[in-house]
């Protein structure tokens, strides 16, 4: 059996579902582990695919069955990896498309509920995806470099797989850059709204603070207040308040014009 030929530490690595990508050479066999990110049920998962190459054949360890599957040839390895890598490519393309939808919504002034949560979720996932892809690309390059001298090695095919992984990595990196730009835009927009609100409150305060001061003054329970003994005193106070309000408003307009 294949398990009998393997070193116990190598077998442990092969069976480890969270083992990082690696390529190692042995006297009797070679091991290639490719760890790839996927999306399943709205969650991102990371699966390690282990291959063992001997002089007789090429084997893939099926973690669901807990046994080795004989792929017969290097073409079987390529076919399986091509299918897995295509899923990873599709996942990163979907992430990129979703981020573009958010970006278009921002430019059209559409409000995104829970933006911070969505942003952090994508950011955290893409950082992990990039880290996994970096290691996987590195080990696939080592594999190609060591096996390209073999007669049955499909160098063009595996170079194509490498290009797909590198393109996937670039897509993830570009998505991270878009996320950073979106966050900066979101913060700038939020600050602008806050500044506009503070500006309006400042205008209202500039108008009503003098009025409140006068109303408070005439509302004191003391004798000898101005206009208290005068006929139409209330009307005179109202005229005074209105005049001060208009003067404050005109002064604020003048200040605003000088700023622009």
C-alpha atoms as a PDB file:
ATOM      1  CA  UNK A   1       0.000   0.000   0.000  1.00  0.00           C
ATOM      2  CA  UNK A   2       1.044   3.605  -0.595  1.00  0.00           C
ATOM      3  CA  UNK A   3       0.877   4.471   3.116  1.00  0.00           C
ATOM      4  CA  UNK A   4       3.482   1.798   3.889  1.00  0.00           C
ATOM      5  CA  UNK A   5       6.029   3.506   1.631  1.00  0.00           C
ATOM      6  CA  UNK A   6       5.644   6.933   3.217  1.00  0.00           C
ATOM      7  CA  UNK A   7       7.586   8.295   6.124  1.00  0.00           C
ATOM      8  CA  UNK A   8       5.239   8.694   9.101  1.00  0.00           C
ATOM      9  CA  UNK A   9       5.957  12.430   9.303  1.00  0.00           C
ATOM     10  CA  UNK A  10       5.245  12.885   5.605  1.00  0.00           C
ATOM     11  CA  UNK A  11       2.046  10.867   5.965  1.00  0.00           C
ATOM     12  CA  UNK A  12       1.000  13.129   8.827  1.00  0.00           C
ATOM     13  CA  UNK A  13       1.609  16.171   6.614  1.00  0.00           C
ATOM     14  CA  UNK A  14      -0.432  14.643   3.797  1.00  0.00           C
ATOM     15  CA  UNK A  15      -3.367  13.868   6.078  1.00  0.00           C
ATOM     16  CA  UNK A  16      -3.284  17.313   7.699  1.00  0.00           C
ATOM     17  CA  UNK A  17      -6.225  19.305   6.312  1.00  0.00           C
ATOM     18  CA  UNK A  18      -4.587  22.624   7.207  1.00  0.00           C
ATOM     19  CA  UNK A  19      -1.060  21.939   6.026  1.00  0.00           C
ATOM     20  CA  UNK A  20       0.445  24.827   4.010  1.00  0.00           C
ATOM     21  CA  UNK A  21       1.619  24.337   0.436  1.00  0.00           C
ATOM     22  CA  UNK A  22       4.928  22.501   0.079  1.00  0.00           C
ATOM     23  CA  UNK A  23       7.039  20.497  -2.348  1.00  0.00           C
ATOM     24  CA  UNK A  24       9.558  18.027  -0.986  1.00  0.00           C
ATOM     25  CA  UNK A  25      11.874  15.484  -2.611  1.00  0.00           C
ATOM     26  CA  UNK A  26      12.530  12.011  -1.185  1.00  0.00           C
ATOM     27  CA  UNK A  27      14.582   9.050  -2.344  1.00  0.00           C
ATOM     28  CA  UNK A  28      11.505   6.924  -3.037  1.00  0.00           C
ATOM     29  CA  UNK A  29       8.833   9.552  -3.721  1.00  0.00           C
ATOM     30  CA  UNK A  30       8.088  13.253  -4.048  1.00  0.00           C
ATOM     31  CA  UNK A  31       5.283  15.139  -2.308  1.00  0.00           C
ATOM     32  CA  UNK A  32       3.380  18.172  -3.576  1.00  0.00           C
ATOM     33  CA  UNK A  33       0.804  19.861  -1.340  1.00  0.00           C
ATOM     34  CA  UNK A  34      -1.265  22.655  -2.879  1.00  0.00           C
ATOM     35  CA  UNK A  35      -3.365  24.690  -0.460  1.00  0.00           C
ATOM     36  CA  UNK A  36      -6.125  26.642  -2.214  1.00  0.00           C
ATOM     37  CA  UNK A  37      -8.894  28.980  -1.023  1.00  0.00           C
ATOM     38  CA  UNK A  38     -12.555  28.320  -1.856  1.00  0.00           C
ATOM     39  CA  UNK A  39     -15.949  29.780  -0.987  1.00  0.00           C
ATOM     40  CA  UNK A  40     -18.546  27.437   0.475  1.00  0.00           C
ATOM     41  CA  UNK A  41     -21.906  28.424   2.000  1.00  0.00           C
ATOM     42  CA  UNK A  42     -20.930  32.116   2.229  1.00  0.00           C
ATOM     43  CA  UNK A  43     -17.716  31.185   4.062  1.00  0.00           C
ATOM     44  CA  UNK A  44     -14.144  31.060   2.841  1.00  0.00           C
ATOM     45  CA  UNK A  45     -12.373  27.740   3.303  1.00  0.00           C
ATOM     46  CA  UNK A  46      -8.798  26.644   2.664  1.00  0.00           C
ATOM     47  CA  UNK A  47      -8.177  23.083   1.477  1.00  0.00           C
ATOM     48  CA  UNK A  48      -4.826  21.310   1.131  1.00  0.00           C
ATOM     49  CA  UNK A  49      -4.533  18.925  -1.828  1.00  0.00           C
ATOM     50  CA  UNK A  50      -1.727  16.370  -1.421  1.00  0.00           C
ATOM     51  CA  UNK A  51      -0.044  14.454  -4.253  1.00  0.00           C
ATOM     52  CA  UNK A  52       2.584  11.721  -4.051  1.00  0.00           C
ATOM     53  CA  UNK A  53       4.756  10.914  -7.070  1.00  0.00           C
ATOM     54  CA  UNK A  54       6.641   7.643  -7.356  1.00  0.00           C
ATOM     55  CA  UNK A  55       8.454   5.879 -10.155  1.00  0.00           C
ATOM     56  CA  UNK A  56       5.340   3.760 -10.757  1.00  0.00           C
ATOM     57  CA  UNK A  57       2.532   6.336 -10.772  1.00  0.00           C
ATOM     58  CA  UNK A  58       0.998   9.601  -9.492  1.00  0.00           C
ATOM     59  CA  UNK A  59      -1.305   9.549  -6.464  1.00  0.00           C
ATOM     60  CA  UNK A  60      -3.773  11.985  -4.930  1.00  0.00           C
ATOM     61  CA  UNK A  61      -4.805  11.702  -1.299  1.00  0.00           C
ATOM     62  CA  UNK A  62      -8.594  11.971  -0.989  1.00  0.00           C
ATOM     63  CA  UNK A  63      -9.243  13.315   2.511  1.00  0.00           C
ATOM     64  CA  UNK A  64     -12.951  12.519   2.322  1.00  0.00           C
ATOM     65  CA  UNK A  65     -12.275   8.836   1.635  1.00  0.00           C
ATOM     66  CA  UNK A  66      -9.055   8.728   3.628  1.00  0.00           C
ATOM     67  CA  UNK A  67      -7.237   6.876   0.848  1.00  0.00           C
ATOM     68  CA  UNK A  68      -4.930   7.428  -2.109  1.00  0.00           C
ATOM     69  CA  UNK A  69      -6.354   7.685  -5.630  1.00  0.00           C
ATOM     70  CA  UNK A  70      -4.153   6.542  -8.507  1.00  0.00           C
ATOM     71  CA  UNK A  71      -4.172   9.283 -11.154  1.00  0.00           C
ATOM     72  CA  UNK A  72      -2.202   7.068 -13.573  1.00  0.00           C
ATOM     73  CA  UNK A  73      -0.244   9.922 -15.201  1.00  0.00           C
ATOM     74  CA  UNK A  74       0.955  13.483 -14.785  1.00  0.00           C
ATOM     75  CA  UNK A  75      -1.974  14.521 -16.958  1.00  0.00           C
ATOM     76  CA  UNK A  76      -4.305  13.298 -14.206  1.00  0.00           C
ATOM     77  CA  UNK A  77      -2.518  15.610 -11.753  1.00  0.00           C
ATOM     78  CA  UNK A  78      -2.886  18.526 -14.157  1.00  0.00           C
ATOM     79  CA  UNK A  79      -6.585  17.825 -14.777  1.00  0.00           C
ATOM     80  CA  UNK A  80      -7.414  17.710 -11.076  1.00  0.00           C
ATOM     81  CA  UNK A  81      -5.406  20.823 -10.214  1.00  0.00           C
ATOM     82  CA  UNK A  82      -6.832  22.714 -13.177  1.00  0.00           C
ATOM     83  CA  UNK A  83     -10.361  22.055 -11.920  1.00  0.00           C
ATOM     84  CA  UNK A  84      -9.487  23.143  -8.373  1.00  0.00           C
ATOM     85  CA  UNK A  85      -7.611  26.277  -9.450  1.00  0.00           C
ATOM     86  CA  UNK A  86     -10.497  27.316 -11.732  1.00  0.00           C
ATOM     87  CA  UNK A  87     -12.778  27.315  -8.664  1.00  0.00           C
ATOM     88  CA  UNK A  88     -10.326  29.574  -6.836  1.00  0.00           C
ATOM     89  CA  UNK A  89     -10.127  31.903  -9.842  1.00  0.00           C
ATOM     90  CA  UNK A  90     -13.909  32.136 -10.015  1.00  0.00           C
ATOM     91  CA  UNK A  91     -14.088  32.926  -6.296  1.00  0.00           C
ATOM     92  CA  UNK A  92     -11.639  35.851  -6.517  1.00  0.00           C
ATOM     93  CA  UNK A  93     -13.376  37.149  -9.654  1.00  0.00           C
ATOM     94  CA  UNK A  94     -16.687  37.128  -7.754  1.00  0.00           C
ATOM     95  CA  UNK A  95     -15.112  39.060  -4.879  1.00  0.00           C
ATOM     96  CA  UNK A  96     -13.741  41.626  -7.311  1.00  0.00           C
ATOM     97  CA  UNK A  97     -17.152  41.996  -8.986  1.00  0.00           C
ATOM     98  CA  UNK A  98     -18.884  42.460  -5.604  1.00  0.00           C
ATOM     99  CA  UNK A  99     -16.402  45.167  -4.612  1.00  0.00           C
ATOM    100  CA  UNK A 100     -16.998  46.928  -7.942  1.00  0.00           C
ATOM    101  CA  UNK A 101     -20.749  46.902  -7.224  1.00  0.00           C
ATOM    102  CA  UNK A 102     -20.085  48.599  -3.873  1.00  0.00           C
ATOM    103  CA  UNK A 103     -17.786  51.078  -5.617  1.00  0.00           C
ATOM    104  CA  UNK A 104     -20.424  51.944  -8.240  1.00  0.00           C
ATOM    105  CA  UNK A 105     -22.987  52.432  -5.470  1.00  0.00           C
ATOM    106  CA  UNK A 106     -20.691  54.881  -3.695  1.00  0.00           C
ATOM    107  CA  UNK A 107     -20.170  56.900  -6.842  1.00  0.00           C
ATOM    108  CA  UNK A 108     -23.952  57.040  -7.304  1.00  0.00           C
ATOM    109  CA  UNK A 109     -24.350  58.218  -3.673  1.00  0.00           C
ATOM    110  CA  UNK A 110     -26.116  55.024  -2.607  1.00  0.00           C
ATOM    111  CA  UNK A 111     -25.934  54.255   1.113  1.00  0.00           C
ATOM    112  CA  UNK A 112     -24.535  50.834   2.039  1.00  0.00           C
ATOM    113  CA  UNK A 113     -25.834  49.599   5.365  1.00  0.00           C
ATOM    114  CA  UNK A 114     -23.148  48.048   7.538  1.00  0.00           C
ATOM    115  CA  UNK A 115     -20.273  49.162   5.300  1.00  0.00           C
ATOM    116  CA  UNK A 116     -17.643  48.762   8.013  1.00  0.00           C
ATOM    117  CA  UNK A 117     -18.656  45.144   8.626  1.00  0.00           C
ATOM    118  CA  UNK A 118     -18.688  44.330   4.892  1.00  0.00           C
ATOM    119  CA  UNK A 119     -15.360  46.092   4.356  1.00  0.00           C
ATOM    120  CA  UNK A 120     -13.624  44.315   7.228  1.00  0.00           C
ATOM    121  CA  UNK A 121     -14.983  40.920   6.132  1.00  0.00           C
ATOM    122  CA  UNK A 122     -13.621  41.316   2.593  1.00  0.00           C
ATOM    123  CA  UNK A 123     -10.353  42.819   3.828  1.00  0.00           C
ATOM    124  CA  UNK A 124      -9.673  40.014   6.284  1.00  0.00           C
ATOM    125  CA  UNK A 125     -10.575  37.288   3.787  1.00  0.00           C
ATOM    126  CA  UNK A 126      -8.464  38.759   0.967  1.00  0.00           C
ATOM    127  CA  UNK A 127      -5.408  39.085   3.201  1.00  0.00           C
ATOM    128  CA  UNK A 128      -5.682  35.380   4.086  1.00  0.00           C
ATOM    129  CA  UNK A 129      -6.288  34.444   0.438  1.00  0.00           C
ATOM    130  CA  UNK A 130      -3.205  36.382  -0.652  1.00  0.00           C
ATOM    131  CA  UNK A 131      -1.064  34.756   2.015  1.00  0.00           C
ATOM    132  CA  UNK A 132      -2.177  31.255   0.979  1.00  0.00           C
ATOM    133  CA  UNK A 133      -1.706  31.985  -2.736  1.00  0.00           C
ATOM    134  CA  UNK A 134       1.795  33.373  -2.166  1.00  0.00           C
ATOM    135  CA  UNK A 135       2.939  30.113  -0.623  1.00  0.00           C
ATOM    136  CA  UNK A 136       1.142  27.985  -3.216  1.00  0.00           C
ATOM    137  CA  UNK A 137       2.699  29.867  -6.157  1.00  0.00           C
ATOM    138  CA  UNK A 138       6.140  29.529  -4.617  1.00  0.00           C
ATOM    139  CA  UNK A 139       5.836  25.742  -4.198  1.00  0.00           C
ATOM    140  CA  UNK A 140       4.323  25.221  -7.659  1.00  0.00           C
ATOM    141  CA  UNK A 141       7.318  27.041  -9.159  1.00  0.00           C
ATOM    142  CA  UNK A 142       9.657  24.672  -7.315  1.00  0.00           C
ATOM    143  CA  UNK A 143       7.669  21.693  -8.581  1.00  0.00           C
ATOM    144  CA  UNK A 144       7.832  22.899 -12.206  1.00  0.00           C
ATOM    145  CA  UNK A 145      11.546  23.633 -11.906  1.00  0.00           C
ATOM    146  CA  UNK A 146      12.295  20.113 -10.627  1.00  0.00           C
ATOM    147  CA  UNK A 147       9.963  18.208 -12.974  1.00  0.00           C
ATOM    148  CA  UNK A 148      10.359  20.022 -16.270  1.00  0.00           C
ATOM    149  CA  UNK A 149      13.176  17.653 -17.241  1.00  0.00           C
ATOM    150  CA  UNK A 150      10.886  14.610 -17.053  1.00  0.00           C
ATOM    151  CA  UNK A 151       9.845  13.142 -20.416  1.00  0.00           C
ATOM    152  CA  UNK A 152       6.147  12.966 -19.547  1.00  0.00           C
ATOM    153  CA  UNK A 153       5.966  16.319 -17.761  1.00  0.00           C
ATOM    154  CA  UNK A 154       3.421  18.732 -19.211  1.00  0.00           C
ATOM    155  CA  UNK A 155       5.463  21.908 -18.782  1.00  0.00           C
ATOM    156  CA  UNK A 156       3.153  24.118 -20.843  1.00  0.00           C
ATOM    157  CA  UNK A 157       0.114  22.862 -18.944  1.00  0.00           C
ATOM    158  CA  UNK A 158       1.592  23.432 -15.498  1.00  0.00           C
ATOM    159  CA  UNK A 159       2.988  26.784 -16.558  1.00  0.00           C
ATOM    160  CA  UNK A 160      -0.577  27.654 -17.498  1.00  0.00           C
ATOM    161  CA  UNK A 161      -1.713  26.642 -13.999  1.00  0.00           C
ATOM    162  CA  UNK A 162       0.990  28.864 -12.545  1.00  0.00           C
ATOM    163  CA  UNK A 163      -0.191  31.769 -14.679  1.00  0.00           C
ATOM    164  CA  UNK A 164      -3.763  31.224 -13.467  1.00  0.00           C
ATOM    165  CA  UNK A 165      -2.621  31.287  -9.845  1.00  0.00           C
ATOM    166  CA  UNK A 166      -0.581  34.438 -10.403  1.00  0.00           C
ATOM    167  CA  UNK A 167      -3.542  36.077 -12.125  1.00  0.00           C
ATOM    168  CA  UNK A 168      -5.748  35.069  -9.194  1.00  0.00           C
ATOM    169  CA  UNK A 169      -3.207  36.580  -6.822  1.00  0.00           C
ATOM    170  CA  UNK A 170      -3.191  39.827  -8.816  1.00  0.00           C
ATOM    171  CA  UNK A 171      -6.996  39.938  -8.716  1.00  0.00           C
ATOM    172  CA  UNK A 172      -6.959  39.539  -4.942  1.00  0.00           C
ATOM    173  CA  UNK A 173      -4.291  42.247  -4.618  1.00  0.00           C
ATOM    174  CA  UNK A 174      -6.251  44.621  -6.848  1.00  0.00           C
ATOM    175  CA  UNK A 175      -9.365  43.916  -4.767  1.00  0.00           C
ATOM    176  CA  UNK A 176      -7.443  44.917  -1.628  1.00  0.00           C
ATOM    177  CA  UNK A 177      -6.386  48.159  -3.295  1.00  0.00           C
ATOM    178  CA  UNK A 178     -10.000  48.884  -4.262  1.00  0.00           C
ATOM    179  CA  UNK A 179     -11.090  48.216  -0.678  1.00  0.00           C
ATOM    180  CA  UNK A 180      -8.539  50.701   0.659  1.00  0.00           C
ATOM    181  CA  UNK A 181      -9.692  53.324  -1.856  1.00  0.00           C
ATOM    182  CA  UNK A 182     -13.340  52.696  -0.932  1.00  0.00           C
ATOM    183  CA  UNK A 183     -12.580  53.036   2.767  1.00  0.00           C
ATOM    184  CA  UNK A 184     -10.789  56.341   2.222  1.00  0.00           C
ATOM    185  CA  UNK A 185     -13.719  57.551   0.122  1.00  0.00           C
ATOM    186  CA  UNK A 186     -16.187  56.409   2.801  1.00  0.00           C
ATOM    187  CA  UNK A 187     -14.256  58.196   5.566  1.00  0.00           C
ATOM    188  CA  UNK A 188     -13.988  61.370   3.475  1.00  0.00           C
ATOM    189  CA  UNK A 189     -17.719  61.303   2.723  1.00  0.00           C
ATOM    190  CA  UNK A 190     -18.582  60.729   6.385  1.00  0.00           C
ATOM    191  CA  UNK A 191     -16.301  63.574   7.466  1.00  0.00           C
ATOM    192  CA  UNK A 192     -17.854  65.849   4.869  1.00  0.00           C
ATOM    193  CA  UNK A 193     -21.355  65.059   6.147  1.00  0.00           C
ATOM    194  CA  UNK A 194     -20.232  65.653   9.725  1.00  0.00           C
ATOM    195  CA  UNK A 195     -18.610  68.970   8.795  1.00  0.00           C
ATOM    196  CA  UNK A 196     -21.782  70.048   7.006  1.00  0.00           C
ATOM    197  CA  UNK A 197     -23.862  69.186  10.077  1.00  0.00           C
ATOM    198  CA  UNK A 198     -21.496  71.080  12.380  1.00  0.00           C
ATOM    199  CA  UNK A 199     -21.619  74.049  10.009  1.00  0.00           C
ATOM    200  CA  UNK A 200     -25.434  74.140  10.116  1.00  0.00           C
ATOM    201  CA  UNK A 201     -25.420  73.864  13.907  1.00  0.00           C
ATOM    202  CA  UNK A 202     -22.888  76.691  14.070  1.00  0.00           C
ATOM    203  CA  UNK A 203     -25.142  78.886  11.913  1.00  0.00           C
ATOM    204  CA  UNK A 204     -28.147  78.164  14.102  1.00  0.00           C
ATOM    205  CA  UNK A 205     -26.115  78.829  17.239  1.00  0.00           C
ATOM    206  CA  UNK A 206     -24.873  82.132  15.820  1.00  0.00           C
ATOM    207  CA  UNK A 207     -28.458  83.201  15.172  1.00  0.00           C
ATOM    208  CA  UNK A 208     -30.168  81.988  18.342  1.00  0.00           C
ATOM    209  CA  UNK A 209     -27.529  82.531  21.015  1.00  0.00           C
ATOM    210  CA  UNK A 210     -27.958  86.359  21.044  1.00  0.00           C
ATOM    211  CA  UNK A 211     -31.733  85.903  20.995  1.00  0.00           C
ATOM    212  CA  UNK A 212     -31.596  83.488  23.924  1.00  0.00           C
ATOM    213  CA  UNK A 213     -29.419  85.948  25.808  1.00  0.00           C
ATOM    214  CA  UNK A 214     -31.944  88.759  25.338  1.00  0.00           C
ATOM    215  CA  UNK A 215     -34.930  86.526  26.165  1.00  0.00           C
ATOM    216  CA  UNK A 216     -33.172  85.357  29.302  1.00  0.00           C
ATOM    217  CA  UNK A 217     -32.388  88.917  30.293  1.00  0.00           C
ATOM    218  CA  UNK A 218     -35.959  90.115  29.937  1.00  0.00           C
ATOM    219  CA  UNK A 219     -37.253  86.980  31.615  1.00  0.00           C
ATOM    220  CA  UNK A 220     -35.553  87.790  34.941  1.00  0.00           C
ATOM    221  CA  UNK A 221     -37.875  88.302  37.906  1.00  0.00           C
ATOM    222  CA  UNK A 222     -36.440  91.713  38.830  1.00  0.00           C
ATOM    223  CA  UNK A 223     -37.818  95.247  38.822  1.00  0.00           C
ATOM    224  CA  UNK A 224     -36.725  98.112  36.618  1.00  0.00           C
ATOM    225  CA  UNK A 225     -36.323  96.071  33.440  1.00  0.00           C
ATOM    226  CA  UNK A 226     -36.266  98.097  30.205  1.00  0.00           C
ATOM    227  CA  UNK A 227     -39.649  98.438  28.453  1.00  0.00           C
ATOM    228  CA  UNK A 228     -41.470  96.931  31.468  1.00  0.00           C
ATOM    229  CA  UNK A 229     -43.356 100.172  32.100  1.00  0.00           C
ATOM    230  CA  UNK A 230     -43.484 101.300  28.471  1.00  0.00           C
ATOM    231  CA  UNK A 231     -46.609 101.017  26.335  1.00  0.00           C
ATOM    232  CA  UNK A 232     -46.136  98.387  23.608  1.00  0.00           C
ATOM    233  CA  UNK A 233     -42.954  97.243  25.373  1.00  0.00           C
ATOM    234  CA  UNK A 234     -43.437  93.659  24.224  1.00  0.00           C
ATOM    235  CA  UNK A 235     -43.646  94.796  20.614  1.00  0.00           C
ATOM    236  CA  UNK A 236     -40.460  96.820  21.050  1.00  0.00           C
ATOM    237  CA  UNK A 237     -38.626  93.752  22.398  1.00  0.00           C
ATOM    238  CA  UNK A 238     -39.898  91.654  19.491  1.00  0.00           C
ATOM    239  CA  UNK A 239     -38.626  94.257  17.029  1.00  0.00           C
ATOM    240  CA  UNK A 240     -35.268  94.282  18.796  1.00  0.00           C
ATOM    241  CA  UNK A 241     -35.010  90.487  18.690  1.00  0.00           C
ATOM    242  CA  UNK A 242     -35.954  90.372  15.013  1.00  0.00           C
ATOM    243  CA  UNK A 243     -33.444  93.086  14.139  1.00  0.00           C
ATOM    244  CA  UNK A 244     -30.642  91.258  15.950  1.00  0.00           C
ATOM    245  CA  UNK A 245     -31.580  87.967  14.271  1.00  0.00           C
ATOM    246  CA  UNK A 246     -31.502  89.596  10.828  1.00  0.00           C
ATOM    247  CA  UNK A 247     -28.205  91.309  11.598  1.00  0.00           C
ATOM    248  CA  UNK A 248     -26.646  88.005  12.765  1.00  0.00           C
ATOM    249  CA  UNK A 249     -27.893  86.221   9.641  1.00  0.00           C
ATOM    250  CA  UNK A 250     -26.515  88.938   7.335  1.00  0.00           C
ATOM    251  CA  UNK A 251     -23.195  88.853   9.180  1.00  0.00           C
ATOM    252  CA  UNK A 252     -22.933  85.070   8.708  1.00  0.00           C
ATOM    253  CA  UNK A 253     -23.728  85.425   5.006  1.00  0.00           C
ATOM    254  CA  UNK A 254     -20.990  88.035   4.695  1.00  0.00           C
ATOM    255  CA  UNK A 255     -18.483  85.774   6.442  1.00  0.00           C
ATOM    256  CA  UNK A 256     -19.453  82.860   4.187  1.00  0.00           C
ATOM    257  CA  UNK A 257     -18.983  85.004   1.060  1.00  0.00           C
ATOM    258  CA  UNK A 258     -15.537  86.151   2.253  1.00  0.00           C
ATOM    259  CA  UNK A 259     -14.494  82.513   2.808  1.00  0.00           C
ATOM    260  CA  UNK A 260     -15.440  81.530  -0.742  1.00  0.00           C
END
